Amino acid sequence: MKIFGLILLMATFLFAMSGEAVFETKCASCHREYYIPQSKLVVNYQHDNRDLNLTAPTVTELSFRIKDQVGDRTLDAEGQKFEIEDWLTQFLKNPKAFHTVLPKNVRKIYRQMPPVKVTEEETEALADFLYEYAEKMMIAHGVKRYSYDEALKIARKHQKIILIEGYLPFCRGCIWMDRNVMVEPEVKAVLNKDFVLVRKNLLIEKLPLGMKRLGTPSFYFIAPDGERIIDMVEGTGTKEEFLSLLASIKERVYR
């Protein structure tokens, strides 16, 4: 019974030190919104916050900016988390004096953040939470991705075009597309109807059909039979440009 009680106590402590729990306790009174589409945030900032009346940046925006601007993005996850933890330690002690990740046009909208008292364990938990949160939100609000074998079966059965997204973990353009394009309702509607998506880390994963990798982000379109390459495209684009690309691919397959 004593051992069981000790295990229960340890589990309770670990749960209390979860990053989300720390954020809820220490930060959520100001950072009340967890996810708002980037397109709405951009317009809100253009309107000096009159549309949304935010008291602080959303958690997703913080997560994206911290992961992009703090530490070395080419490190593995644990390496960059250590650097984010160190940055958080300094920043939370004195937000006014220490480097912020917000650009001037966003910073001017919000009141000066006060110092936040956190323990070393809480800071470590926050670093983990903020590092991982944005990607989780993009998965939650984006189009479902499949393995290539799964996508091939779905494509053949439902006559859908296979779209492989080539990315690198530290690719800013890939993050930009995830934030600004792939989560937009019009894009999601087209992708869900006529495409089946696969996501491949081009550092460690090979492309099918002998395709040579392009730069990132890159998009590789394969016919529903899985045997013919339709096109390979590299680079970022607006929602409208990406929708135009998808329309041209569909025209070449279904005409």
C-alpha atoms as a PDB file:
ATOM      1  CA  MET A   1       0.000   0.000   0.000  1.00  0.00           C
ATOM      2  CA  LYS A   2       2.869   2.366   0.797  1.00  0.00           C
ATOM      3  CA  ILE A   3       4.417   1.715  -2.645  1.00  0.00           C
ATOM      4  CA  PHE A   4       1.064   2.293  -4.341  1.00  0.00           C
ATOM      5  CA  GLY A   5       0.637   5.565  -2.437  1.00  0.00           C
ATOM      6  CA  LEU A   6       4.123   6.707  -3.463  1.00  0.00           C
ATOM      7  CA  ILE A   7       3.420   5.931  -7.131  1.00  0.00           C
ATOM      8  CA  LEU A   8       0.128   7.831  -6.933  1.00  0.00           C
ATOM      9  CA  LEU A   9       1.878  10.816  -5.349  1.00  0.00           C
ATOM     10  CA  MET A  10       4.541  10.819  -8.067  1.00  0.00           C
ATOM     11  CA  ALA A  11       1.896  10.612 -10.801  1.00  0.00           C
ATOM     12  CA  THR A  12       0.024  13.537  -9.243  1.00  0.00           C
ATOM     13  CA  PHE A  13       3.233  15.590  -9.123  1.00  0.00           C
ATOM     14  CA  LEU A  14       4.035  14.829 -12.763  1.00  0.00           C
ATOM     15  CA  PHE A  15       0.525  15.830 -13.831  1.00  0.00           C
ATOM     16  CA  ALA A  16       0.815  19.080 -11.869  1.00  0.00           C
ATOM     17  CA  MET A  17       4.063  19.787 -13.729  1.00  0.00           C
ATOM     18  CA  SER A  18       2.527  19.288 -17.172  1.00  0.00           C
ATOM     19  CA  GLY A  19       3.139  22.304 -19.374  1.00  0.00           C
ATOM     20  CA  GLU A  20      -0.534  22.864 -20.074  1.00  0.00           C
ATOM     21  CA  ALA A  21      -1.345  22.879 -16.366  1.00  0.00           C
ATOM     22  CA  VAL A  22       1.431  25.406 -15.704  1.00  0.00           C
ATOM     23  CA  PHE A  23       0.233  27.576 -18.580  1.00  0.00           C
ATOM     24  CA  GLU A  24      -3.348  27.494 -17.291  1.00  0.00           C
ATOM     25  CA  THR A  25      -2.171  28.580 -13.839  1.00  0.00           C
ATOM     26  CA  LYS A  26       0.474  31.151 -14.748  1.00  0.00           C
ATOM     27  CA  CYS A  27      -0.435  32.505 -18.190  1.00  0.00           C
ATOM     28  CA  ALA A  28      -4.025  31.821 -19.261  1.00  0.00           C
ATOM     29  CA  SER A  29      -5.537  34.801 -17.444  1.00  0.00           C
ATOM     30  CA  CYS A  30      -4.060  36.967 -20.225  1.00  0.00           C
ATOM     31  CA  HIS A  31      -3.448  34.428 -23.003  1.00  0.00           C
ATOM     32  CA  ARG A  32      -7.103  33.409 -23.073  1.00  0.00           C
ATOM     33  CA  GLU A  33      -7.299  32.257 -26.695  1.00  0.00           C
ATOM     34  CA  TYR A  34      -5.528  29.057 -27.646  1.00  0.00           C
ATOM     35  CA  TYR A  35      -6.149  28.977 -31.406  1.00  0.00           C
ATOM     36  CA  ILE A  36      -7.343  31.544 -33.936  1.00  0.00           C
ATOM     37  CA  PRO A  37      -6.603  31.116 -37.676  1.00  0.00           C
ATOM     38  CA  GLN A  38      -3.636  33.177 -38.805  1.00  0.00           C
ATOM     39  CA  SER A  39      -5.679  34.926 -41.507  1.00  0.00           C
ATOM     40  CA  LYS A  40      -7.971  36.371 -38.819  1.00  0.00           C
ATOM     41  CA  LEU A  41      -5.020  37.398 -36.668  1.00  0.00           C
ATOM     42  CA  VAL A  42      -3.413  39.292 -39.557  1.00  0.00           C
ATOM     43  CA  VAL A  43      -6.588  41.289 -40.197  1.00  0.00           C
ATOM     44  CA  ASN A  44      -7.039  41.882 -36.469  1.00  0.00           C
ATOM     45  CA  TYR A  45      -3.552  43.382 -36.178  1.00  0.00           C
ATOM     46  CA  GLN A  46      -4.182  45.537 -39.229  1.00  0.00           C
ATOM     47  CA  HIS A  47      -7.254  46.842 -37.394  1.00  0.00           C
ATOM     48  CA  ASP A  48      -5.301  47.477 -34.169  1.00  0.00           C
ATOM     49  CA  ASN A  49      -6.989  44.589 -32.356  1.00  0.00           C
ATOM     50  CA  ARG A  50     -10.493  46.049 -32.767  1.00  0.00           C
ATOM     51  CA  ASP A  51     -11.882  42.838 -34.288  1.00  0.00           C
ATOM     52  CA  LEU A  52     -10.867  40.322 -31.618  1.00  0.00           C
ATOM     53  CA  ASN A  53      -9.936  42.498 -28.608  1.00  0.00           C
ATOM     54  CA  LEU A  54      -7.231  40.093 -27.504  1.00  0.00           C
ATOM     55  CA  THR A  55      -5.509  40.697 -24.174  1.00  0.00           C
ATOM     56  CA  ALA A  56      -2.385  38.783 -25.280  1.00  0.00           C
ATOM     57  CA  PRO A  57      -1.200  36.663 -28.228  1.00  0.00           C
ATOM     58  CA  THR A  58      -2.823  33.273 -28.738  1.00  0.00           C
ATOM     59  CA  VAL A  59      -0.987  30.201 -27.519  1.00  0.00           C
ATOM     60  CA  THR A  60      -0.578  28.987 -31.097  1.00  0.00           C
ATOM     61  CA  GLU A  61       1.025  32.273 -32.161  1.00  0.00           C
ATOM     62  CA  LEU A  62       3.411  32.178 -29.194  1.00  0.00           C
ATOM     63  CA  SER A  63       4.326  28.587 -29.970  1.00  0.00           C
ATOM     64  CA  PHE A  64       5.062  29.310 -33.624  1.00  0.00           C
ATOM     65  CA  ARG A  65       7.124  32.416 -32.882  1.00  0.00           C
ATOM     66  CA  ILE A  66       9.111  30.871 -30.036  1.00  0.00           C
ATOM     67  CA  LYS A  67       9.945  27.755 -32.043  1.00  0.00           C
ATOM     68  CA  ASP A  68      10.936  29.898 -35.027  1.00  0.00           C
ATOM     69  CA  GLN A  69      12.990  32.582 -33.249  1.00  0.00           C
ATOM     70  CA  VAL A  70      14.450  31.088 -30.070  1.00  0.00           C
ATOM     71  CA  GLY A  71      17.491  28.857 -30.225  1.00  0.00           C
ATOM     72  CA  ASP A  72      18.890  26.915 -33.150  1.00  0.00           C
ATOM     73  CA  ARG A  73      16.060  25.533 -35.293  1.00  0.00           C
ATOM     74  CA  THR A  74      18.391  22.993 -36.912  1.00  0.00           C
ATOM     75  CA  LEU A  75      18.933  21.192 -33.604  1.00  0.00           C
ATOM     76  CA  ASP A  76      16.864  18.166 -32.665  1.00  0.00           C
ATOM     77  CA  ALA A  77      13.762  18.766 -30.561  1.00  0.00           C
ATOM     78  CA  GLU A  78      15.433  18.243 -27.201  1.00  0.00           C
ATOM     79  CA  GLY A  79      18.316  20.559 -28.068  1.00  0.00           C
ATOM     80  CA  GLN A  80      16.052  23.439 -29.035  1.00  0.00           C
ATOM     81  CA  LYS A  81      13.799  22.836 -26.022  1.00  0.00           C
ATOM     82  CA  PHE A  82      16.804  23.380 -23.744  1.00  0.00           C
ATOM     83  CA  GLU A  83      17.466  26.711 -25.451  1.00  0.00           C
ATOM     84  CA  ILE A  84      13.802  27.709 -25.194  1.00  0.00           C
ATOM     85  CA  GLU A  85      13.839  26.829 -21.503  1.00  0.00           C
ATOM     86  CA  ASP A  86      16.854  29.089 -20.960  1.00  0.00           C
ATOM     87  CA  TRP A  87      15.158  31.920 -22.874  1.00  0.00           C
ATOM     88  CA  LEU A  88      11.932  31.516 -20.887  1.00  0.00           C
ATOM     89  CA  THR A  89      13.867  31.636 -17.607  1.00  0.00           C
ATOM     90  CA  GLN A  90      15.308  35.043 -18.503  1.00  0.00           C
ATOM     91  CA  PHE A  91      12.235  36.426 -20.238  1.00  0.00           C
ATOM     92  CA  LEU A  92       9.708  35.585 -17.530  1.00  0.00           C
ATOM     93  CA  LYS A  93      11.892  37.265 -14.893  1.00  0.00           C
ATOM     94  CA  ASN A  94      12.046  40.545 -16.797  1.00  0.00           C
ATOM     95  CA  PRO A  95       9.883  40.673 -19.948  1.00  0.00           C
ATOM     96  CA  LYS A  96      10.520  44.382 -20.489  1.00  0.00           C
ATOM     97  CA  ALA A  97      14.298  44.056 -20.641  1.00  0.00           C
ATOM     98  CA  PHE A  98      14.640  40.722 -22.405  1.00  0.00           C
ATOM     99  CA  HIS A  99      14.217  39.807 -26.067  1.00  0.00           C
ATOM    100  CA  THR A 100      10.607  39.251 -27.164  1.00  0.00           C
ATOM    101  CA  VAL A 101       9.497  37.154 -30.125  1.00  0.00           C
ATOM    102  CA  LEU A 102       6.689  39.520 -31.130  1.00  0.00           C
ATOM    103  CA  PRO A 103       7.176  41.983 -34.011  1.00  0.00           C
ATOM    104  CA  LYS A 104       6.621  45.704 -33.369  1.00  0.00           C
ATOM    105  CA  ASN A 105       3.221  45.872 -35.060  1.00  0.00           C
ATOM    106  CA  VAL A 106       1.962  43.149 -32.695  1.00  0.00           C
ATOM    107  CA  ARG A 107       3.831  44.320 -29.604  1.00  0.00           C
ATOM    108  CA  LYS A 108       2.296  47.790 -29.704  1.00  0.00           C
ATOM    109  CA  ILE A 109      -1.205  46.360 -29.379  1.00  0.00           C
ATOM    110  CA  TYR A 110      -0.708  44.688 -26.016  1.00  0.00           C
ATOM    111  CA  ARG A 111       0.141  46.012 -22.573  1.00  0.00           C
ATOM    112  CA  GLN A 112       3.600  45.367 -21.190  1.00  0.00           C
ATOM    113  CA  MET A 113       3.735  41.851 -19.824  1.00  0.00           C
ATOM    114  CA  PRO A 114       4.524  41.682 -16.066  1.00  0.00           C
ATOM    115  CA  PRO A 115       7.169  39.332 -14.617  1.00  0.00           C
ATOM    116  CA  VAL A 116       5.958  35.801 -13.955  1.00  0.00           C
ATOM    117  CA  LYS A 117       7.256  33.727 -11.040  1.00  0.00           C
ATOM    118  CA  VAL A 118       7.924  30.134 -12.062  1.00  0.00           C
ATOM    119  CA  THR A 119      10.084  27.352 -10.707  1.00  0.00           C
ATOM    120  CA  GLU A 120      12.742  25.566 -12.725  1.00  0.00           C
ATOM    121  CA  GLU A 121      10.439  22.567 -13.118  1.00  0.00           C
ATOM    122  CA  GLU A 122       7.572  24.766 -14.286  1.00  0.00           C
ATOM    123  CA  THR A 123       9.804  26.496 -16.832  1.00  0.00           C
ATOM    124  CA  GLU A 124      10.904  23.157 -18.242  1.00  0.00           C
ATOM    125  CA  ALA A 125       7.277  22.037 -18.545  1.00  0.00           C
ATOM    126  CA  LEU A 126       6.325  25.323 -20.251  1.00  0.00           C
ATOM    127  CA  ALA A 127       9.173  24.947 -22.748  1.00  0.00           C
ATOM    128  CA  ASP A 128       7.914  21.481 -23.725  1.00  0.00           C
ATOM    129  CA  PHE A 129       4.318  22.700 -24.000  1.00  0.00           C
ATOM    130  CA  LEU A 130       5.101  25.772 -26.122  1.00  0.00           C
ATOM    131  CA  TYR A 131       7.484  23.877 -28.393  1.00  0.00           C
ATOM    132  CA  GLU A 132       4.894  21.262 -29.279  1.00  0.00           C
ATOM    133  CA  TYR A 133       1.617  23.179 -29.183  1.00  0.00           C
ATOM    134  CA  ALA A 134       1.569  24.838 -32.627  1.00  0.00           C
ATOM    135  CA  GLU A 135       2.219  21.598 -34.495  1.00  0.00           C
ATOM    136  CA  LYS A 136      -0.560  19.885 -32.549  1.00  0.00           C
ATOM    137  CA  MET A 137      -2.947  22.695 -33.518  1.00  0.00           C
ATOM    138  CA  MET A 138      -2.004  22.425 -37.196  1.00  0.00           C
ATOM    139  CA  ILE A 139      -2.760  18.717 -37.063  1.00  0.00           C
ATOM    140  CA  ALA A 140      -6.038  19.332 -35.245  1.00  0.00           C
ATOM    141  CA  HIS A 141      -7.211  22.089 -37.615  1.00  0.00           C
ATOM    142  CA  GLY A 142      -5.651  20.886 -40.856  1.00  0.00           C
ATOM    143  CA  VAL A 143      -6.381  18.089 -43.306  1.00  0.00           C
ATOM    144  CA  LYS A 144      -5.667  14.535 -42.202  1.00  0.00           C
ATOM    145  CA  ARG A 145      -2.359  13.061 -43.416  1.00  0.00           C
ATOM    146  CA  TYR A 146      -1.741   9.390 -44.163  1.00  0.00           C
ATOM    147  CA  SER A 147       1.203   7.094 -44.713  1.00  0.00           C
ATOM    148  CA  TYR A 148       2.012   6.606 -48.392  1.00  0.00           C
ATOM    149  CA  ASP A 149       0.703   3.023 -48.388  1.00  0.00           C
ATOM    150  CA  GLU A 150      -2.574   4.172 -46.819  1.00  0.00           C
ATOM    151  CA  ALA A 151      -2.859   7.065 -49.270  1.00  0.00           C
ATOM    152  CA  LEU A 152      -2.289   4.726 -52.220  1.00  0.00           C
ATOM    153  CA  LYS A 153      -5.190   2.494 -51.173  1.00  0.00           C
ATOM    154  CA  ILE A 154      -7.503   5.474 -50.647  1.00  0.00           C
ATOM    155  CA  ALA A 155      -6.484   7.089 -53.934  1.00  0.00           C
ATOM    156  CA  ARG A 156      -7.156   3.936 -55.951  1.00  0.00           C
ATOM    157  CA  LYS A 157     -10.458   3.234 -54.246  1.00  0.00           C
ATOM    158  CA  HIS A 158     -11.859   6.793 -54.440  1.00  0.00           C
ATOM    159  CA  GLN A 159      -9.952   8.098 -57.485  1.00  0.00           C
ATOM    160  CA  LYS A 160      -8.197  10.809 -55.489  1.00  0.00           C
ATOM    161  CA  ILE A 161      -4.923  12.508 -56.327  1.00  0.00           C
ATOM    162  CA  ILE A 162      -2.029  11.793 -53.974  1.00  0.00           C
ATOM    163  CA  LEU A 163      -0.365  14.960 -52.688  1.00  0.00           C
ATOM    164  CA  ILE A 164       2.937  14.524 -50.872  1.00  0.00           C
ATOM    165  CA  GLU A 165       4.078  17.519 -48.834  1.00  0.00           C
ATOM    166  CA  GLY A 166       7.849  17.617 -48.555  1.00  0.00           C
ATOM    167  CA  TYR A 167       9.129  19.480 -45.508  1.00  0.00           C
ATOM    168  CA  LEU A 168      12.045  19.967 -43.165  1.00  0.00           C
ATOM    169  CA  PRO A 169      11.515  20.513 -39.430  1.00  0.00           C
ATOM    170  CA  PHE A 170      13.368  23.861 -39.521  1.00  0.00           C
ATOM    171  CA  CYS A 171      11.907  25.108 -42.830  1.00  0.00           C
ATOM    172  CA  ARG A 172      10.306  28.537 -42.331  1.00  0.00           C
ATOM    173  CA  GLY A 173       8.390  28.300 -45.610  1.00  0.00           C
ATOM    174  CA  CYS A 174       6.883  24.974 -44.523  1.00  0.00           C
ATOM    175  CA  ILE A 175       5.703  26.531 -41.271  1.00  0.00           C
ATOM    176  CA  TRP A 176       4.320  29.515 -43.173  1.00  0.00           C
ATOM    177  CA  MET A 177       2.256  27.245 -45.433  1.00  0.00           C
ATOM    178  CA  ASP A 178       0.964  25.271 -42.455  1.00  0.00           C
ATOM    179  CA  ARG A 179      -0.079  28.460 -40.665  1.00  0.00           C
ATOM    180  CA  ASN A 180      -1.439  30.512 -43.512  1.00  0.00           C
ATOM    181  CA  VAL A 181      -2.688  28.171 -46.207  1.00  0.00           C
ATOM    182  CA  MET A 182      -3.221  24.530 -45.272  1.00  0.00           C
ATOM    183  CA  VAL A 183      -5.700  25.328 -42.473  1.00  0.00           C
ATOM    184  CA  GLU A 184      -7.904  27.683 -44.526  1.00  0.00           C
ATOM    185  CA  PRO A 185     -11.470  26.334 -44.994  1.00  0.00           C
ATOM    186  CA  GLU A 186     -11.467  26.737 -48.800  1.00  0.00           C
ATOM    187  CA  VAL A 187      -8.179  24.841 -49.104  1.00  0.00           C
ATOM    188  CA  LYS A 188      -9.310  22.103 -46.729  1.00  0.00           C
ATOM    189  CA  ALA A 189     -12.551  21.642 -48.692  1.00  0.00           C
ATOM    190  CA  VAL A 190     -10.702  21.065 -51.992  1.00  0.00           C
ATOM    191  CA  LEU A 191      -8.091  18.803 -50.417  1.00  0.00           C
ATOM    192  CA  ASN A 192     -10.665  16.671 -48.614  1.00  0.00           C
ATOM    193  CA  LYS A 193     -12.745  16.262 -51.773  1.00  0.00           C
ATOM    194  CA  ASP A 194     -10.157  15.432 -54.418  1.00  0.00           C
ATOM    195  CA  PHE A 195      -6.811  14.720 -52.744  1.00  0.00           C
ATOM    196  CA  VAL A 196      -5.265  12.423 -50.166  1.00  0.00           C
ATOM    197  CA  LEU A 197      -2.299  13.886 -48.297  1.00  0.00           C
ATOM    198  CA  VAL A 198       1.031  12.433 -47.237  1.00  0.00           C
ATOM    199  CA  ARG A 199       3.646  14.369 -45.282  1.00  0.00           C
ATOM    200  CA  LYS A 200       7.322  13.433 -45.622  1.00  0.00           C
ATOM    201  CA  ASN A 201      10.358  14.753 -43.788  1.00  0.00           C
ATOM    202  CA  LEU A 202      12.825  15.015 -46.669  1.00  0.00           C
ATOM    203  CA  LEU A 203      15.800  14.746 -44.337  1.00  0.00           C
ATOM    204  CA  ILE A 204      15.010  11.146 -43.493  1.00  0.00           C
ATOM    205  CA  GLU A 205      12.274   9.906 -45.862  1.00  0.00           C
ATOM    206  CA  LYS A 206      12.497   8.974 -49.536  1.00  0.00           C
ATOM    207  CA  LEU A 207       9.960   9.922 -52.180  1.00  0.00           C
ATOM    208  CA  PRO A 208       8.184   7.203 -54.187  1.00  0.00           C
ATOM    209  CA  LEU A 209       8.458   6.511 -57.923  1.00  0.00           C
ATOM    210  CA  GLY A 210      12.099   7.572 -57.982  1.00  0.00           C
ATOM    211  CA  MET A 211      11.233  11.251 -57.574  1.00  0.00           C
ATOM    212  CA  LYS A 212      14.127  13.560 -56.729  1.00  0.00           C
ATOM    213  CA  ARG A 213      13.513  15.880 -53.815  1.00  0.00           C
ATOM    214  CA  LEU A 214      13.121  19.583 -54.443  1.00  0.00           C
ATOM    215  CA  GLY A 215      13.681  22.352 -51.911  1.00  0.00           C
ATOM    216  CA  THR A 216      11.119  22.886 -49.200  1.00  0.00           C
ATOM    217  CA  PRO A 217       8.266  23.302 -48.955  1.00  0.00           C
ATOM    218  CA  SER A 218       7.549  21.151 -51.969  1.00  0.00           C
ATOM    219  CA  PHE A 219       4.479  19.381 -53.305  1.00  0.00           C
ATOM    220  CA  TYR A 220       4.488  16.152 -55.322  1.00  0.00           C
ATOM    221  CA  PHE A 221       1.309  15.135 -57.150  1.00  0.00           C
ATOM    222  CA  ILE A 222       0.695  11.514 -58.143  1.00  0.00           C
ATOM    223  CA  ALA A 223      -2.196  10.165 -60.206  1.00  0.00           C
ATOM    224  CA  PRO A 224      -4.886   8.053 -58.474  1.00  0.00           C
ATOM    225  CA  ASP A 225      -3.422   4.823 -59.863  1.00  0.00           C
ATOM    226  CA  GLY A 226      -0.173   5.588 -57.977  1.00  0.00           C
ATOM    227  CA  GLU A 227       1.910   4.997 -61.089  1.00  0.00           C
ATOM    228  CA  ARG A 228       2.184   8.410 -62.762  1.00  0.00           C
ATOM    229  CA  ILE A 229       3.804  11.613 -61.525  1.00  0.00           C
ATOM    230  CA  ILE A 230       1.609  14.588 -62.426  1.00  0.00           C
ATOM    231  CA  ASP A 231       3.834  17.416 -61.224  1.00  0.00           C
ATOM    232  CA  MET A 232       6.384  18.525 -58.634  1.00  0.00           C
ATOM    233  CA  VAL A 233       6.238  22.099 -57.320  1.00  0.00           C
ATOM    234  CA  GLU A 234       8.524  23.943 -54.910  1.00  0.00           C
ATOM    235  CA  GLY A 235       7.877  27.070 -52.835  1.00  0.00           C
ATOM    236  CA  THR A 236       5.310  28.972 -50.814  1.00  0.00           C
ATOM    237  CA  GLY A 237       2.203  30.730 -52.053  1.00  0.00           C
ATOM    238  CA  THR A 238      -0.943  32.479 -50.930  1.00  0.00           C
ATOM    239  CA  LYS A 239      -4.219  30.686 -50.386  1.00  0.00           C
ATOM    240  CA  GLU A 240      -5.396  31.858 -53.812  1.00  0.00           C
ATOM    241  CA  GLU A 241      -2.201  30.696 -55.529  1.00  0.00           C
ATOM    242  CA  PHE A 242      -2.366  27.284 -53.874  1.00  0.00           C
ATOM    243  CA  LEU A 243      -6.028  26.859 -54.829  1.00  0.00           C
ATOM    244  CA  SER A 244      -5.107  27.747 -58.417  1.00  0.00           C
ATOM    245  CA  LEU A 245      -2.361  25.100 -58.355  1.00  0.00           C
ATOM    246  CA  LEU A 246      -4.787  22.471 -57.051  1.00  0.00           C
ATOM    247  CA  ALA A 247      -7.315  23.401 -59.752  1.00  0.00           C
ATOM    248  CA  SER A 248      -4.698  23.026 -62.496  1.00  0.00           C
ATOM    249  CA  ILE A 249      -3.656  19.617 -61.162  1.00  0.00           C
ATOM    250  CA  LYS A 250      -7.278  18.458 -61.086  1.00  0.00           C
ATOM    251  CA  GLU A 251      -7.782  19.687 -64.647  1.00  0.00           C
ATOM    252  CA  ARG A 252      -4.851  17.582 -65.844  1.00  0.00           C
ATOM    253  CA  VAL A 253      -6.149  14.449 -64.087  1.00  0.00           C
ATOM    254  CA  TYR A 254      -9.922  14.597 -64.548  1.00  0.00           C
ATOM    255  CA  ARG A 255     -10.314  16.280 -67.946  1.00  0.00           C
END
